[in-house]
Structures are given as C-alpha cells and as structure tokens.
Amino acid sequence: MVLVIFLALLLVILTFIFHFKVLLWLSNYTPALTVSDQNRVLFIILVLFFTHIIEIGFYAIMFACSIEIFEIGTLVGITINDPMEYLYFSSVIFTSLGIGDAYPMGHIRFLAGIEALNGLLLIAWSASFTFLAMGNLWPQIKCCDPDEK
C-alpha cells in the first residue's frame, strides 16, 4: 500500500512539473513564432494535446510496472496483449471517460483514482492557459455584438 501511494505521489509531481515546464516553454516560445496569431493559438492547442498524451503515457508505464513488476494489482475486463492496452486504460482514466470495459483491482485502484484527479487538474490548467492565449491572440469577433454589423 505504501508503494502505490509513493508511485501516485511521484506521478503527480512528475506530471505537474512536466506540464508547468511545457506551459513555461509555450509562454516564452510562441511570441517568437513568425505566424499569425490564430496559428499561434493552433500551435498552443497542438502542443497541449501532445503534452496530455505524454502524461497519459507516464501513467500507462506506471500501470504496466505496477501490474507486471510490482504485482500490486491487475486490470479486469481486458486481456493485456500489448502496451497499447495500458495506454488505452490510462487515457480512459485520465480523461474521466470511464467506459467501464476495464477496471483496476488491488492497490492500483488508488493509482487510477489519483490519475483521474490529476487529469482533471491538468486538463483544466491547459484550458485556462488556452483561454488566456485566445484572449490575447484571437481578434475580437464582431458577429456577437448586436450593435456592430
């Protein structure tokens, strides 16, 4: 039990630092891009999407290690034939999609719960960053103002 708490804490710290560094890099790098402001927003969205994929991968690797090396739990409902199964399970948990075709048993249930909370926070962090970027980079849209035609 102590092991899974340690692994969950390690992943939370790792993903928060990674996410922070990516956002910091985006803040410093995107102003130097020689593209339109709308394309800067698109660049930010794409980088954040792949950032989340990498963070999902961190959890997928930890689920694989927890099941196959540490033997602190298992996934019920699916047969693990390749690493893509772990990536699928992790993406379902990270996004709080909760399809239910695979569910954790044993101590990795705690890790799955922490991943859902972590995913919620990281996705919200990305959304707020994107909102601020769009507020600064996107041109004012006049179609929503009834006085402007």
C-alpha atoms as a PDB file:
ATOM      1  CA  MET A   1       0.000   0.000   0.000  1.00  0.00           C
ATOM      2  CA  VAL A   2       2.831   2.414   0.796  1.00  0.00           C
ATOM      3  CA  LEU A   3       4.351   1.628  -2.610  1.00  0.00           C
ATOM      4  CA  VAL A   4       1.254   2.669  -4.555  1.00  0.00           C
ATOM      5  CA  ILE A   5       0.953   5.901  -2.539  1.00  0.00           C
ATOM      6  CA  PHE A   6       4.587   6.665  -3.321  1.00  0.00           C
ATOM      7  CA  LEU A   7       4.099   5.872  -7.030  1.00  0.00           C
ATOM      8  CA  ALA A   8       0.975   8.055  -7.210  1.00  0.00           C
ATOM      9  CA  LEU A   9       2.729  10.958  -5.500  1.00  0.00           C
ATOM     10  CA  LEU A  10       5.706  10.549  -7.810  1.00  0.00           C
ATOM     11  CA  LEU A  11       3.465  10.665 -10.883  1.00  0.00           C
ATOM     12  CA  VAL A  12       1.570  13.725  -9.659  1.00  0.00           C
ATOM     13  CA  ILE A  13       4.814  15.600  -9.062  1.00  0.00           C
ATOM     14  CA  LEU A  14       6.273  14.440 -12.389  1.00  0.00           C
ATOM     15  CA  THR A  15       3.206  15.427 -14.413  1.00  0.00           C
ATOM     16  CA  PHE A  16       2.796  18.789 -12.657  1.00  0.00           C
ATOM     17  CA  ILE A  17       6.436  19.716 -13.255  1.00  0.00           C
ATOM     18  CA  PHE A  18       6.295  18.494 -16.847  1.00  0.00           C
ATOM     19  CA  HIS A  19       3.086  20.432 -17.509  1.00  0.00           C
ATOM     20  CA  PHE A  20       4.490  23.555 -15.860  1.00  0.00           C
ATOM     21  CA  LYS A  21       7.643  23.362 -17.980  1.00  0.00           C
ATOM     22  CA  VAL A  22       5.622  22.959 -21.184  1.00  0.00           C
ATOM     23  CA  LEU A  23       3.427  25.955 -20.315  1.00  0.00           C
ATOM     24  CA  LEU A  24       6.508  27.998 -19.464  1.00  0.00           C
ATOM     25  CA  TRP A  25       8.104  26.985 -22.757  1.00  0.00           C
ATOM     26  CA  LEU A  26       4.932  27.919 -24.652  1.00  0.00           C
ATOM     27  CA  SER A  27       4.826  31.298 -22.899  1.00  0.00           C
ATOM     28  CA  ASN A  28       8.399  32.038 -23.905  1.00  0.00           C
ATOM     29  CA  TYR A  29       8.455  30.448 -27.367  1.00  0.00           C
ATOM     30  CA  THR A  30       5.130  31.278 -29.036  1.00  0.00           C
ATOM     31  CA  PRO A  31       5.707  35.062 -29.182  1.00  0.00           C
ATOM     32  CA  ALA A  32       8.789  34.391 -31.332  1.00  0.00           C
ATOM     33  CA  LEU A  33       6.868  32.357 -33.916  1.00  0.00           C
ATOM     34  CA  THR A  34       6.596  34.078 -37.275  1.00  0.00           C
ATOM     35  CA  VAL A  35       2.998  33.022 -37.896  1.00  0.00           C
ATOM     36  CA  SER A  36      -0.378  34.670 -37.487  1.00  0.00           C
ATOM     37  CA  ASP A  37      -1.910  34.993 -34.034  1.00  0.00           C
ATOM     38  CA  GLN A  38      -4.574  32.407 -34.905  1.00  0.00           C
ATOM     39  CA  ASN A  39      -1.857  29.934 -35.892  1.00  0.00           C
ATOM     40  CA  ARG A  40      -0.135  30.586 -32.564  1.00  0.00           C
ATOM     41  CA  VAL A  41      -3.334  29.502 -30.840  1.00  0.00           C
ATOM     42  CA  LEU A  42      -3.438  26.380 -33.015  1.00  0.00           C
ATOM     43  CA  PHE A  43       0.205  25.657 -32.135  1.00  0.00           C
ATOM     44  CA  ILE A  44      -0.595  26.013 -28.415  1.00  0.00           C
ATOM     45  CA  ILE A  45      -3.556  23.622 -28.718  1.00  0.00           C
ATOM     46  CA  LEU A  46      -1.497  21.015 -30.563  1.00  0.00           C
ATOM     47  CA  VAL A  47       1.394  21.187 -28.096  1.00  0.00           C
ATOM     48  CA  LEU A  48      -1.001  20.868 -25.150  1.00  0.00           C
ATOM     49  CA  PHE A  49      -2.749  17.905 -26.774  1.00  0.00           C
ATOM     50  CA  PHE A  50       0.540  16.035 -27.177  1.00  0.00           C
ATOM     51  CA  THR A  51       1.557  17.069 -23.665  1.00  0.00           C
ATOM     52  CA  HIS A  52      -1.523  15.283 -22.335  1.00  0.00           C
ATOM     53  CA  ILE A  53      -0.727  12.225 -24.457  1.00  0.00           C
ATOM     54  CA  ILE A  54       2.751  12.098 -22.899  1.00  0.00           C
ATOM     55  CA  GLU A  55       1.292  12.472 -19.389  1.00  0.00           C
ATOM     56  CA  ILE A  56      -1.139   9.642 -20.132  1.00  0.00           C
ATOM     57  CA  GLY A  57       1.896   7.642 -21.224  1.00  0.00           C
ATOM     58  CA  PHE A  58       3.587   8.265 -17.865  1.00  0.00           C
ATOM     59  CA  TYR A  59       0.599   6.697 -16.126  1.00  0.00           C
ATOM     60  CA  ALA A  60       0.392   3.853 -18.660  1.00  0.00           C
ATOM     61  CA  ILE A  61       4.019   2.963 -17.954  1.00  0.00           C
ATOM     62  CA  MET A  62       3.357   3.063 -14.217  1.00  0.00           C
ATOM     63  CA  PHE A  63       0.274   0.831 -14.588  1.00  0.00           C
ATOM     64  CA  ALA A  64       2.362  -1.651 -16.584  1.00  0.00           C
ATOM     65  CA  CYS A  65       5.107  -1.627 -13.934  1.00  0.00           C
ATOM     66  CA  SER A  66       2.580  -1.864 -11.098  1.00  0.00           C
ATOM     67  CA  ILE A  67       0.908  -4.885 -12.646  1.00  0.00           C
ATOM     68  CA  GLU A  68       3.793  -6.744 -14.246  1.00  0.00           C
ATOM     69  CA  ILE A  69       6.747  -5.906 -11.978  1.00  0.00           C
ATOM     70  CA  PHE A  70       5.417  -4.831  -8.578  1.00  0.00           C
ATOM     71  CA  GLU A  71       2.322  -7.100  -8.811  1.00  0.00           C
ATOM     72  CA  ILE A  72       0.149  -4.771  -6.723  1.00  0.00           C
ATOM     73  CA  GLY A  73      -2.975  -5.170  -8.818  1.00  0.00           C
ATOM     74  CA  THR A  74      -4.464  -6.173 -12.124  1.00  0.00           C
ATOM     75  CA  LEU A  75      -6.854  -4.984 -14.804  1.00  0.00           C
ATOM     76  CA  VAL A  76     -10.069  -6.939 -15.116  1.00  0.00           C
ATOM     77  CA  GLY A  77     -12.172  -6.964 -18.267  1.00  0.00           C
ATOM     78  CA  ILE A  78      -9.407  -6.802 -20.858  1.00  0.00           C
ATOM     79  CA  THR A  79      -6.508  -9.028 -21.745  1.00  0.00           C
ATOM     80  CA  ILE A  80      -3.217  -7.179 -21.881  1.00  0.00           C
ATOM     81  CA  ASN A  81      -1.620  -8.184 -25.178  1.00  0.00           C
ATOM     82  CA  ASP A  82       0.453  -5.098 -25.878  1.00  0.00           C
ATOM     83  CA  PRO A  83       1.397  -1.711 -24.380  1.00  0.00           C
ATOM     84  CA  MET A  84      -1.488  -0.049 -26.233  1.00  0.00           C
ATOM     85  CA  GLU A  85      -3.903  -1.648 -23.749  1.00  0.00           C
ATOM     86  CA  TYR A  86      -2.224   0.213 -20.896  1.00  0.00           C
ATOM     87  CA  LEU A  87      -2.290   3.441 -22.908  1.00  0.00           C
ATOM     88  CA  TYR A  88      -5.990   2.932 -23.629  1.00  0.00           C
ATOM     89  CA  PHE A  89      -6.812   2.270 -19.973  1.00  0.00           C
ATOM     90  CA  SER A  90      -4.765   5.249 -18.844  1.00  0.00           C
ATOM     91  CA  SER A  91      -6.454   7.584 -21.351  1.00  0.00           C
ATOM     92  CA  VAL A  92      -9.892   6.465 -20.169  1.00  0.00           C
ATOM     93  CA  ILE A  93      -8.927   7.184 -16.554  1.00  0.00           C
ATOM     94  CA  PHE A  94      -7.023  10.461 -17.253  1.00  0.00           C
ATOM     95  CA  THR A  95      -9.967  11.956 -19.135  1.00  0.00           C
ATOM     96  CA  SER A  96     -12.512  10.566 -16.646  1.00  0.00           C
ATOM     97  CA  LEU A  97     -14.288   8.933 -19.583  1.00  0.00           C
ATOM     98  CA  GLY A  98     -14.998   5.807 -17.560  1.00  0.00           C
ATOM     99  CA  ILE A  99     -16.104   3.410 -20.297  1.00  0.00           C
ATOM    100  CA  GLY A 100     -16.017   0.520 -17.841  1.00  0.00           C
ATOM    101  CA  ASP A 101     -14.707  -2.248 -20.081  1.00  0.00           C
ATOM    102  CA  ALA A 102     -11.561  -2.438 -17.954  1.00  0.00           C
ATOM    103  CA  TYR A 103     -11.294  -1.759 -14.265  1.00  0.00           C
ATOM    104  CA  PRO A 104      -8.470  -1.989 -11.779  1.00  0.00           C
ATOM    105  CA  MET A 105      -8.304  -4.477  -8.938  1.00  0.00           C
ATOM    106  CA  GLY A 106      -5.999  -4.323  -5.965  1.00  0.00           C
ATOM    107  CA  HIS A 107      -3.941  -1.356  -4.873  1.00  0.00           C
ATOM    108  CA  ILE A 108      -3.741   0.109  -8.377  1.00  0.00           C
ATOM    109  CA  ARG A 109      -7.317   1.316  -7.843  1.00  0.00           C
ATOM    110  CA  PHE A 110      -5.777   4.124  -5.769  1.00  0.00           C
ATOM    111  CA  LEU A 111      -3.424   4.961  -8.628  1.00  0.00           C
ATOM    112  CA  ALA A 112      -6.383   5.083 -11.042  1.00  0.00           C
ATOM    113  CA  GLY A 113      -8.271   7.458  -8.754  1.00  0.00           C
ATOM    114  CA  ILE A 114      -5.277   9.750  -8.442  1.00  0.00           C
ATOM    115  CA  GLU A 115      -4.830   9.732 -12.229  1.00  0.00           C
ATOM    116  CA  ALA A 116      -8.436  10.861 -12.706  1.00  0.00           C
ATOM    117  CA  LEU A 117      -7.961  13.761 -10.284  1.00  0.00           C
ATOM    118  CA  ASN A 118      -4.587  14.614 -11.808  1.00  0.00           C
ATOM    119  CA  GLY A 119      -6.022  14.518 -15.332  1.00  0.00           C
ATOM    120  CA  LEU A 120      -8.866  16.811 -14.312  1.00  0.00           C
ATOM    121  CA  LEU A 121      -6.433  19.363 -12.892  1.00  0.00           C
ATOM    122  CA  LEU A 122      -4.050  19.201 -15.851  1.00  0.00           C
ATOM    123  CA  ILE A 123      -6.830  19.494 -18.423  1.00  0.00           C
ATOM    124  CA  ALA A 124      -8.284  22.475 -16.540  1.00  0.00           C
ATOM    125  CA  TRP A 125      -4.817  24.049 -16.382  1.00  0.00           C
ATOM    126  CA  SER A 126      -4.455  23.644 -20.153  1.00  0.00           C
ATOM    127  CA  ALA A 127      -7.931  25.060 -20.727  1.00  0.00           C
ATOM    128  CA  SER A 128      -7.232  28.151 -18.640  1.00  0.00           C
ATOM    129  CA  PHE A 129      -3.900  28.681 -20.426  1.00  0.00           C
ATOM    130  CA  THR A 130      -5.643  28.358 -23.792  1.00  0.00           C
ATOM    131  CA  PHE A 131      -8.370  30.776 -22.677  1.00  0.00           C
ATOM    132  CA  LEU A 132      -5.757  33.376 -21.750  1.00  0.00           C
ATOM    133  CA  ALA A 133      -3.870  32.823 -25.000  1.00  0.00           C
ATOM    134  CA  MET A 134      -7.043  33.223 -27.055  1.00  0.00           C
ATOM    135  CA  GLY A 135      -7.928  36.374 -25.155  1.00  0.00           C
ATOM    136  CA  ASN A 136      -4.563  37.855 -26.125  1.00  0.00           C
ATOM    137  CA  LEU A 137      -4.131  36.439 -29.621  1.00  0.00           C
ATOM    138  CA  TRP A 138      -7.562  35.992 -31.149  1.00  0.00           C
ATOM    139  CA  PRO A 139      -9.068  39.018 -32.883  1.00  0.00           C
ATOM    140  CA  GLN A 140     -12.233  40.468 -31.437  1.00  0.00           C
ATOM    141  CA  ILE A 141     -15.214  38.852 -33.080  1.00  0.00           C
ATOM    142  CA  LYS A 142     -17.806  41.442 -34.071  1.00  0.00           C
ATOM    143  CA  CYS A 143     -20.530  38.948 -35.005  1.00  0.00           C
ATOM    144  CA  CYS A 144     -21.571  38.630 -31.368  1.00  0.00           C
ATOM    145  CA  ASP A 145     -22.137  42.358 -30.807  1.00  0.00           C
ATOM    146  CA  PRO A 146     -25.701  43.351 -31.824  1.00  0.00           C
ATOM    147  CA  ASP A 147     -24.653  46.973 -32.469  1.00  0.00           C
ATOM    148  CA  GLU A 148     -21.909  46.014 -34.937  1.00  0.00           C
ATOM    149  CA  LYS A 149     -22.961  44.779 -38.376  1.00  0.00           C
END
